[in-house]
Amino acid sequence: MKYIHTQTPPSDEVRAPASPPKDQLFGNCWGCRLLSGGGLLLAGGYVFQAARRVTRQGGPASMGTVAQIVFAACLASWGVVLIVDPVGKAGRKA
């Protein structure tokens, strides 16, 4: 009597699921870039308005107010960079 081996031998190679490259934070997800970039733009606008409120009330423009305005500009520019994604476009080849 011959026994027929019905089970397949285990594979020598086990593959992990493919993941996006680690150098791209948001990959090609347009919605993720738009949501996070828009949030940063709104946060920059909020910080800027808080700094402008002090100067509109006649207060002096102190170093803290100037730092708030610079921080607001940094947040807004970071949001624009996330939305536009110039590094991802430069790396693509047509």
PDB file of N, CA and C in Angstrom:
ATOM      1  N   MET A   1       0.815  -1.167   0.000  1.00  0.00           N
ATOM      2  CA  MET A   1       0.000   0.000   0.000  1.00  0.00           C
ATOM      3  C   MET A   1       0.868   1.243   0.000  1.00  0.00           C
ATOM      4  N   LYS A   2       0.565   2.116  -0.912  1.00  0.00           N
ATOM      5  CA  LYS A   2       1.309   3.368  -0.988  1.00  0.00           C
ATOM      6  C   LYS A   2       0.466   4.481  -0.393  1.00  0.00           C
ATOM      7  N   TYR A   3       1.151   5.294   0.392  1.00  0.00           N
ATOM      8  CA  TYR A   3       0.483   6.471   0.946  1.00  0.00           C
ATOM      9  C   TYR A   3       0.795   7.677   0.065  1.00  0.00           C
ATOM     10  N   ILE A   4      -0.226   8.417  -0.273  1.00  0.00           N
ATOM     11  CA  ILE A   4      -0.049   9.610  -1.086  1.00  0.00           C
ATOM     12  C   ILE A   4       0.050  10.811  -0.141  1.00  0.00           C
ATOM     13  N   HIS A   5       1.113  11.543  -0.334  1.00  0.00           N
ATOM     14  CA  HIS A   5       1.355  12.720   0.505  1.00  0.00           C
ATOM     15  C   HIS A   5       0.461  13.853  -0.006  1.00  0.00           C
ATOM     16  N   THR A   6      -0.537  14.262   0.783  1.00  0.00           N
ATOM     17  CA  THR A   6      -1.499  15.269   0.323  1.00  0.00           C
ATOM     18  C   THR A   6      -1.160  16.676   0.779  1.00  0.00           C
ATOM     19  N   GLN A   7      -0.312  16.806   1.763  1.00  0.00           N
ATOM     20  CA  GLN A   7       0.023  18.141   2.236  1.00  0.00           C
ATOM     21  C   GLN A   7       1.201  18.683   1.442  1.00  0.00           C
ATOM     22  N   THR A   8       1.136  19.967   1.162  1.00  0.00           N
ATOM     23  CA  THR A   8       2.256  20.594   0.454  1.00  0.00           C
ATOM     24  C   THR A   8       3.316  20.987   1.470  1.00  0.00           C
ATOM     25  N   PRO A   9       4.564  20.873   1.094  1.00  0.00           N
ATOM     26  CA  PRO A   9       5.621  21.251   2.028  1.00  0.00           C
ATOM     27  C   PRO A   9       5.598  22.756   2.270  1.00  0.00           C
ATOM     28  N   PRO A  10       6.002  23.186   3.457  1.00  0.00           N
ATOM     29  CA  PRO A  10       5.999  24.623   3.740  1.00  0.00           C
ATOM     30  C   PRO A  10       6.973  25.355   2.827  1.00  0.00           C
ATOM     31  N   SER A  11       6.605  26.533   2.476  1.00  0.00           N
ATOM     32  CA  SER A  11       7.420  27.342   1.572  1.00  0.00           C
ATOM     33  C   SER A  11       8.680  27.810   2.308  1.00  0.00           C
ATOM     34  N   ASP A  12       9.794  27.798   1.603  1.00  0.00           N
ATOM     35  CA  ASP A  12      11.042  28.263   2.187  1.00  0.00           C
ATOM     36  C   ASP A  12      11.053  29.788   2.324  1.00  0.00           C
ATOM     37  N   GLU A  13      10.267  30.437   1.513  1.00  0.00           N
ATOM     38  CA  GLU A  13      10.306  31.891   1.465  1.00  0.00           C
ATOM     39  C   GLU A  13       8.963  32.454   1.938  1.00  0.00           C
ATOM     40  N   VAL A  14       9.005  33.203   3.000  1.00  0.00           N
ATOM     41  CA  VAL A  14       7.802  33.856   3.514  1.00  0.00           C
ATOM     42  C   VAL A  14       7.963  35.346   3.256  1.00  0.00           C
ATOM     43  N   ARG A  15       7.012  35.928   2.546  1.00  0.00           N
ATOM     44  CA  ARG A  15       7.115  37.336   2.175  1.00  0.00           C
ATOM     45  C   ARG A  15       6.203  38.180   3.054  1.00  0.00           C
ATOM     46  N   ALA A  16       6.740  39.311   3.457  1.00  0.00           N
ATOM     47  CA  ALA A  16       5.951  40.274   4.225  1.00  0.00           C
ATOM     48  C   ALA A  16       5.151  41.131   3.242  1.00  0.00           C
ATOM     49  N   PRO A  17       4.039  41.692   3.701  1.00  0.00           N
ATOM     50  CA  PRO A  17       3.271  42.559   2.800  1.00  0.00           C
ATOM     51  C   PRO A  17       4.089  43.789   2.399  1.00  0.00           C
ATOM     52  N   ALA A  18       3.872  44.227   1.190  1.00  0.00           N
ATOM     53  CA  ALA A  18       4.632  45.370   0.678  1.00  0.00           C
ATOM     54  C   ALA A  18       4.228  46.637   1.422  1.00  0.00           C
ATOM     55  N   SER A  19       5.215  47.437   1.770  1.00  0.00           N
ATOM     56  CA  SER A  19       4.951  48.707   2.444  1.00  0.00           C
ATOM     57  C   SER A  19       5.567  49.826   1.622  1.00  0.00           C
ATOM     58  N   PRO A  20       5.025  51.051   1.756  1.00  0.00           N
ATOM     59  CA  PRO A  20       5.592  52.161   0.981  1.00  0.00           C
ATOM     60  C   PRO A  20       6.993  52.493   1.466  1.00  0.00           C
ATOM     61  N   PRO A  21       7.788  53.116   0.622  1.00  0.00           N
ATOM     62  CA  PRO A  21       9.142  53.490   1.038  1.00  0.00           C
ATOM     63  C   PRO A  21       9.103  54.416   2.244  1.00  0.00           C
ATOM     64  N   LYS A  22      10.095  54.297   3.100  1.00  0.00           N
ATOM     65  CA  LYS A  22      10.102  55.069   4.331  1.00  0.00           C
ATOM     66  C   LYS A  22      10.446  56.540   4.112  1.00  0.00           C
ATOM     67  N   ASP A  23      10.989  56.892   2.944  1.00  0.00           N
ATOM     68  CA  ASP A  23      11.346  58.285   2.726  1.00  0.00           C
ATOM     69  C   ASP A  23      10.141  59.146   2.350  1.00  0.00           C
ATOM     70  N   GLN A  24       9.030  58.522   1.985  1.00  0.00           N
ATOM     71  CA  GLN A  24       7.818  59.269   1.673  1.00  0.00           C
ATOM     72  C   GLN A  24       6.863  59.154   2.842  1.00  0.00           C
ATOM     73  N   LEU A  25       6.567  60.281   3.463  1.00  0.00           N
ATOM     74  CA  LEU A  25       5.722  60.271   4.647  1.00  0.00           C
ATOM     75  C   LEU A  25       4.278  59.959   4.301  1.00  0.00           C
ATOM     76  N   PHE A  26       3.724  60.619   3.302  1.00  0.00           N
ATOM     77  CA  PHE A  26       2.329  60.426   2.954  1.00  0.00           C
ATOM     78  C   PHE A  26       2.149  59.645   1.664  1.00  0.00           C
ATOM     79  N   GLY A  27       3.226  59.252   1.020  1.00  0.00           N
ATOM     80  CA  GLY A  27       3.118  58.494  -0.213  1.00  0.00           C
ATOM     81  C   GLY A  27       2.388  59.279  -1.281  1.00  0.00           C
ATOM     82  N   ASN A  28       1.479  58.644  -1.951  1.00  0.00           N
ATOM     83  CA  ASN A  28       0.713  59.298  -3.003  1.00  0.00           C
ATOM     84  C   ASN A  28      -0.705  59.596  -2.553  1.00  0.00           C
ATOM     85  N   CYS A  29      -0.945  59.644  -1.272  1.00  0.00           N
ATOM     86  CA  CYS A  29      -2.289  59.855  -0.751  1.00  0.00           C
ATOM     87  C   CYS A  29      -2.633  61.342  -0.798  1.00  0.00           C
ATOM     88  N   TRP A  30      -3.400  61.737  -1.817  1.00  0.00           N
ATOM     89  CA  TRP A  30      -3.742  63.140  -2.000  1.00  0.00           C
ATOM     90  C   TRP A  30      -4.599  63.641  -0.841  1.00  0.00           C
ATOM     91  N   GLY A  31      -5.528  62.832  -0.366  1.00  0.00           N
ATOM     92  CA  GLY A  31      -6.390  63.241   0.739  1.00  0.00           C
ATOM     93  C   GLY A  31      -5.611  63.473   2.023  1.00  0.00           C
ATOM     94  N   CYS A  32      -4.625  62.631   2.288  1.00  0.00           N
ATOM     95  CA  CYS A  32      -3.798  62.796   3.499  1.00  0.00           C
ATOM     96  C   CYS A  32      -2.998  64.085   3.431  1.00  0.00           C
ATOM     97  N   ARG A  33      -2.410  64.342   2.269  1.00  0.00           N
ATOM     98  CA  ARG A  33      -1.631  65.572   2.111  1.00  0.00           C
ATOM     99  C   ARG A  33      -2.513  66.802   2.215  1.00  0.00           C
ATOM    100  N   LEU A  34      -3.698  66.753   1.621  1.00  0.00           N
ATOM    101  CA  LEU A  34      -4.596  67.899   1.646  1.00  0.00           C
ATOM    102  C   LEU A  34      -5.120  68.162   3.056  1.00  0.00           C
ATOM    103  N   LEU A  35      -5.468  67.114   3.772  1.00  0.00           N
ATOM    104  CA  LEU A  35      -5.995  67.270   5.130  1.00  0.00           C
ATOM    105  C   LEU A  35      -4.929  67.809   6.087  1.00  0.00           C
ATOM    106  N   SER A  36      -3.763  67.213   6.080  1.00  0.00           N
ATOM    107  CA  SER A  36      -2.722  67.664   7.007  1.00  0.00           C
ATOM    108  C   SER A  36      -2.161  69.029   6.603  1.00  0.00           C
ATOM    109  N   GLY A  37      -1.995  69.268   5.313  1.00  0.00           N
ATOM    110  CA  GLY A  37      -1.521  70.573   4.862  1.00  0.00           C
ATOM    111  C   GLY A  37      -2.525  71.674   5.154  1.00  0.00           C
ATOM    112  N   GLY A  38      -3.795  71.375   4.947  1.00  0.00           N
ATOM    113  CA  GLY A  38      -4.828  72.360   5.269  1.00  0.00           C
ATOM    114  C   GLY A  38      -4.905  72.643   6.760  1.00  0.00           C
ATOM    115  N   GLY A  39      -4.720  71.601   7.569  1.00  0.00           N
ATOM    116  CA  GLY A  39      -4.700  71.808   9.022  1.00  0.00           C
ATOM    117  C   GLY A  39      -3.543  72.683   9.457  1.00  0.00           C
ATOM    118  N   LEU A  40      -2.385  72.486   8.849  1.00  0.00           N
ATOM    119  CA  LEU A  40      -1.234  73.332   9.179  1.00  0.00           C
ATOM    120  C   LEU A  40      -1.448  74.773   8.718  1.00  0.00           C
ATOM    121  N   LEU A  41      -2.085  74.943   7.560  1.00  0.00           N
ATOM    122  CA  LEU A  41      -2.394  76.298   7.108  1.00  0.00           C
ATOM    123  C   LEU A  41      -3.349  77.000   8.068  1.00  0.00           C
ATOM    124  N   LEU A  42      -4.376  76.281   8.512  1.00  0.00           N
ATOM    125  CA  LEU A  42      -5.323  76.869   9.457  1.00  0.00           C
ATOM    126  C   LEU A  42      -4.667  77.158  10.804  1.00  0.00           C
ATOM    127  N   ALA A  43      -3.781  76.265  11.243  1.00  0.00           N
ATOM    128  CA  ALA A  43      -3.072  76.505  12.507  1.00  0.00           C
ATOM    129  C   ALA A  43      -2.176  77.732  12.394  1.00  0.00           C
ATOM    130  N   GLY A  44      -1.513  77.897  11.252  1.00  0.00           N
ATOM    131  CA  GLY A  44      -0.690  79.081  11.041  1.00  0.00           C
ATOM    132  C   GLY A  44      -1.522  80.351  11.038  1.00  0.00           C
ATOM    133  N   GLY A  45      -2.704  80.296  10.424  1.00  0.00           N
ATOM    134  CA  GLY A  45      -3.597  81.453  10.434  1.00  0.00           C
ATOM    135  C   GLY A  45      -4.086  81.794  11.826  1.00  0.00           C
ATOM    136  N   TYR A  46      -4.362  80.772  12.621  1.00  0.00           N
ATOM    137  CA  TYR A  46      -4.831  80.999  13.993  1.00  0.00           C
ATOM    138  C   TYR A  46      -3.734  81.643  14.848  1.00  0.00           C
ATOM    139  N   VAL A  47      -2.517  81.139  14.727  1.00  0.00           N
ATOM    140  CA  VAL A  47      -1.402  81.704  15.501  1.00  0.00           C
ATOM    141  C   VAL A  47      -1.131  83.138  15.055  1.00  0.00           C
ATOM    142  N   PHE A  48      -1.219  83.393  13.748  1.00  0.00           N
ATOM    143  CA  PHE A  48      -1.000  84.743  13.237  1.00  0.00           C
ATOM    144  C   PHE A  48      -2.063  85.710  13.753  1.00  0.00           C
ATOM    145  N   GLN A  49      -3.332  85.278  13.750  1.00  0.00           N
ATOM    146  CA  GLN A  49      -4.400  86.145  14.253  1.00  0.00           C
ATOM    147  C   GLN A  49      -4.234  86.445  15.736  1.00  0.00           C
ATOM    148  N   ALA A  50      -3.766  85.462  16.501  1.00  0.00           N
ATOM    149  CA  ALA A  50      -3.534  85.699  17.927  1.00  0.00           C
ATOM    150  C   ALA A  50      -2.428  86.730  18.132  1.00  0.00           C
ATOM    151  N   ALA A  51      -1.406  86.685  17.306  1.00  0.00           N
ATOM    152  CA  ALA A  51      -0.321  87.665  17.419  1.00  0.00           C
ATOM    153  C   ALA A  51      -0.774  89.046  16.952  1.00  0.00           C
ATOM    154  N   ARG A  52      -1.575  89.095  15.908  1.00  0.00           N
ATOM    155  CA  ARG A  52      -2.066  90.379  15.398  1.00  0.00           C
ATOM    156  C   ARG A  52      -3.053  91.038  16.351  1.00  0.00           C
ATOM    157  N   ARG A  53      -3.784  90.223  17.104  1.00  0.00           N
ATOM    158  CA  ARG A  53      -4.752  90.766  18.048  1.00  0.00           C
ATOM    159  C   ARG A  53      -4.068  91.650  19.087  1.00  0.00           C
ATOM    160  N   VAL A  54      -2.881  91.258  19.512  1.00  0.00           N
ATOM    161  CA  VAL A  54      -2.130  92.044  20.500  1.00  0.00           C
ATOM    162  C   VAL A  54      -1.714  93.382  19.908  1.00  0.00           C
ATOM    163  N   THR A  55      -1.248  93.379  18.662  1.00  0.00           N
ATOM    164  CA  THR A  55      -0.791  94.632  18.061  1.00  0.00           C
ATOM    165  C   THR A  55      -1.962  95.531  17.667  1.00  0.00           C
ATOM    166  N   ARG A  56      -3.113  94.950  17.345  1.00  0.00           N
ATOM    167  CA  ARG A  56      -4.278  95.773  17.015  1.00  0.00           C
ATOM    168  C   ARG A  56      -4.813  96.516  18.235  1.00  0.00           C
ATOM    169  N   GLN A  57      -4.634  95.939  19.392  1.00  0.00           N
ATOM    170  CA  GLN A  57      -5.117  96.584  20.604  1.00  0.00           C
ATOM    171  C   GLN A  57      -4.165  97.679  21.088  1.00  0.00           C
ATOM    172  N   GLY A  58      -3.128  97.929  20.348  1.00  0.00           N
ATOM    173  CA  GLY A  58      -2.210  99.012  20.684  1.00  0.00           C
ATOM    174  C   GLY A  58      -1.026  98.571  21.519  1.00  0.00           C
ATOM    175  N   GLY A  59      -0.853  97.287  21.691  1.00  0.00           N
ATOM    176  CA  GLY A  59       0.283  96.797  22.454  1.00  0.00           C
ATOM    177  C   GLY A  59       1.564  96.872  21.643  1.00  0.00           C
ATOM    178  N   PRO A  60       2.680  96.932  22.318  1.00  0.00           N
ATOM    179  CA  PRO A  60       3.954  96.994  21.581  1.00  0.00           C
ATOM    180  C   PRO A  60       4.276  95.639  20.932  1.00  0.00           C
ATOM    181  N   ALA A  61       4.982  95.720  19.831  1.00  0.00           N
ATOM    182  CA  ALA A  61       5.409  94.500  19.143  1.00  0.00           C
ATOM    183  C   ALA A  61       6.663  93.975  19.840  1.00  0.00           C
ATOM    184  N   SER A  62       6.457  93.100  20.800  1.00  0.00           N
ATOM    185  CA  SER A  62       7.584  92.560  21.556  1.00  0.00           C
ATOM    186  C   SER A  62       8.237  91.408  20.787  1.00  0.00           C
ATOM    187  N   MET A  63       9.296  90.879  21.345  1.00  0.00           N
ATOM    188  CA  MET A  63       9.977  89.741  20.712  1.00  0.00           C
ATOM    189  C   MET A  63       9.075  88.514  20.685  1.00  0.00           C
ATOM    190  N   GLY A  64       8.222  88.384  21.681  1.00  0.00           N
ATOM    191  CA  GLY A  64       7.280  87.260  21.705  1.00  0.00           C
ATOM    192  C   GLY A  64       6.277  87.335  20.575  1.00  0.00           C
ATOM    193  N   THR A  65       5.796  88.535  20.291  1.00  0.00           N
ATOM    194  CA  THR A  65       4.847  88.715  19.187  1.00  0.00           C
ATOM    195  C   THR A  65       5.517  88.431  17.846  1.00  0.00           C
ATOM    196  N   VAL A  66       6.728  88.902  17.700  1.00  0.00           N
ATOM    197  CA  VAL A  66       7.473  88.640  16.463  1.00  0.00           C
ATOM    198  C   VAL A  66       7.738  87.143  16.309  1.00  0.00           C
ATOM    199  N   ALA A  67       8.066  86.477  17.393  1.00  0.00           N
ATOM    200  CA  ALA A  67       8.300  85.031  17.350  1.00  0.00           C
ATOM    201  C   ALA A  67       7.021  84.291  16.973  1.00  0.00           C
ATOM    202  N   GLN A  68       5.866  84.766  17.465  1.00  0.00           N
ATOM    203  CA  GLN A  68       4.590  84.147  17.095  1.00  0.00           C
ATOM    204  C   GLN A  68       4.316  84.300  15.603  1.00  0.00           C
ATOM    205  N   ILE A  69       4.594  85.463  15.063  1.00  0.00           N
ATOM    206  CA  ILE A  69       4.349  85.692  13.641  1.00  0.00           C
ATOM    207  C   ILE A  69       5.283  84.828  12.788  1.00  0.00           C
ATOM    208  N   VAL A  70       6.533  84.709  13.204  1.00  0.00           N
ATOM    209  CA  VAL A  70       7.479  83.861  12.467  1.00  0.00           C
ATOM    210  C   VAL A  70       7.050  82.394  12.549  1.00  0.00           C
ATOM    211  N   PHE A  71       6.608  81.971  13.724  1.00  0.00           N
ATOM    212  CA  PHE A  71       6.137  80.592  13.892  1.00  0.00           C
ATOM    213  C   PHE A  71       4.901  80.342  13.029  1.00  0.00           C
ATOM    214  N   ALA A  72       3.998  81.329  12.948  1.00  0.00           N
ATOM    215  CA  ALA A  72       2.807  81.191  12.104  1.00  0.00           C
ATOM    216  C   ALA A  72       3.199  81.069  10.636  1.00  0.00           C
ATOM    217  N   ALA A  73       4.190  81.834  10.206  1.00  0.00           N
ATOM    218  CA  ALA A  73       4.659  81.749   8.822  1.00  0.00           C
ATOM    219  C   ALA A  73       5.280  80.380   8.542  1.00  0.00           C
ATOM    220  N   CYS A  74       5.999  79.848   9.528  1.00  0.00           N
ATOM    221  CA  CYS A  74       6.599  78.517   9.363  1.00  0.00           C
ATOM    222  C   CYS A  74       5.525  77.444   9.250  1.00  0.00           C
ATOM    223  N   LEU A  75       4.496  77.510  10.092  1.00  0.00           N
ATOM    224  CA  LEU A  75       3.405  76.539  10.017  1.00  0.00           C
ATOM    225  C   LEU A  75       2.699  76.608   8.670  1.00  0.00           C
ATOM    226  N   ALA A  76       2.418  77.820   8.214  1.00  0.00           N
ATOM    227  CA  ALA A  76       1.719  77.985   6.936  1.00  0.00           C
ATOM    228  C   ALA A  76       2.571  77.489   5.767  1.00  0.00           C
ATOM    229  N   SER A  77       3.855  77.785   5.781  1.00  0.00           N
ATOM    230  CA  SER A  77       4.705  77.327   4.680  1.00  0.00           C
ATOM    231  C   SER A  77       4.879  75.813   4.702  1.00  0.00           C
ATOM    232  N   TRP A  78       4.903  75.224   5.887  1.00  0.00           N
ATOM    233  CA  TRP A  78       4.970  73.762   5.995  1.00  0.00           C
ATOM    234  C   TRP A  78       3.704  73.140   5.411  1.00  0.00           C
ATOM    235  N   GLY A  79       2.564  73.764   5.661  1.00  0.00           N
ATOM    236  CA  GLY A  79       1.309  73.279   5.089  1.00  0.00           C
ATOM    237  C   GLY A  79       1.309  73.353   3.575  1.00  0.00           C
ATOM    238  N   VAL A  80       1.834  74.442   3.025  1.00  0.00           N
ATOM    239  CA  VAL A  80       1.899  74.588   1.566  1.00  0.00           C
ATOM    240  C   VAL A  80       2.828  73.533   0.973  1.00  0.00           C
ATOM    241  N   VAL A  81       3.948  73.287   1.630  1.00  0.00           N
ATOM    242  CA  VAL A  81       4.893  72.284   1.131  1.00  0.00           C
ATOM    243  C   VAL A  81       4.264  70.895   1.149  1.00  0.00           C
ATOM    244  N   LEU A  82       3.494  70.569   2.183  1.00  0.00           N
ATOM    245  CA  LEU A  82       2.835  69.270   2.220  1.00  0.00           C
ATOM    246  C   LEU A  82       1.811  69.123   1.100  1.00  0.00           C
ATOM    247  N   ILE A  83       1.079  70.177   0.827  1.00  0.00           N
ATOM    248  CA  ILE A  83       0.058  70.093  -0.218  1.00  0.00           C
ATOM    249  C   ILE A  83       0.695  70.022  -1.604  1.00  0.00           C
ATOM    250  N   VAL A  84       1.689  70.862  -1.854  1.00  0.00           N
ATOM    251  CA  VAL A  84       2.300  70.933  -3.191  1.00  0.00           C
ATOM    252  C   VAL A  84       3.192  69.730  -3.457  1.00  0.00           C
ATOM    253  N   ASP A  85       3.888  69.240  -2.440  1.00  0.00           N
ATOM    254  CA  ASP A  85       4.782  68.075  -2.524  1.00  0.00           C
ATOM    255  C   ASP A  85       5.841  68.220  -3.623  1.00  0.00           C
ATOM    256  N   PRO A  86       6.745  69.216  -3.505  1.00  0.00           N
ATOM    257  CA  PRO A  86       7.730  69.419  -4.554  1.00  0.00           C
ATOM    258  C   PRO A  86       8.785  68.302  -4.623  1.00  0.00           C
ATOM    259  N   VAL A  87       9.089  67.656  -3.519  1.00  0.00           N
ATOM    260  CA  VAL A  87      10.092  66.597  -3.537  1.00  0.00           C
ATOM    261  C   VAL A  87       9.567  65.372  -4.255  1.00  0.00           C
ATOM    262  N   GLY A  88       8.322  65.022  -4.023  1.00  0.00           N
ATOM    263  CA  GLY A  88       7.730  63.863  -4.693  1.00  0.00           C
ATOM    264  C   GLY A  88       7.627  64.068  -6.195  1.00  0.00           C
ATOM    265  N   LYS A  89       7.329  65.294  -6.613  1.00  0.00           N
ATOM    266  CA  LYS A  89       7.223  65.579  -8.040  1.00  0.00           C
ATOM    267  C   LYS A  89       8.594  65.596  -8.697  1.00  0.00           C
ATOM    268  N   ALA A  90       9.613  66.019  -7.987  1.00  0.00           N
ATOM    269  CA  ALA A  90      10.954  66.056  -8.550  1.00  0.00           C
ATOM    270  C   ALA A  90      11.498  64.647  -8.742  1.00  0.00           C
ATOM    271  N   GLY A  91      11.088  63.706  -7.897  1.00  0.00           N
ATOM    272  CA  GLY A  91      11.593  62.347  -7.975  1.00  0.00           C
ATOM    273  C   GLY A  91      10.904  61.506  -9.042  1.00  0.00           C
ATOM    274  N   ARG A  92       9.741  61.928  -9.508  1.00  0.00           N
ATOM    275  CA  ARG A  92       9.004  61.162 -10.515  1.00  0.00           C
ATOM    276  C   ARG A  92       9.597  61.395 -11.898  1.00  0.00           C
ATOM    277  N   LYS A  93       9.595  60.363 -12.699  1.00  0.00           N
ATOM    278  CA  LYS A  93      10.099  60.478 -14.069  1.00  0.00           C
ATOM    279  C   LYS A  93       8.949  60.249 -15.026  1.00  0.00           C
ATOM    280  N   ALA A  94       8.873  61.084 -16.032  1.00  0.00           N
ATOM    281  CA  ALA A  94       7.780  60.999 -16.995  1.00  0.00           C
ATOM    282  C   ALA A  94       8.032  59.942 -18.034  1.00  0.00           C
TER     283      ALA A  94
END
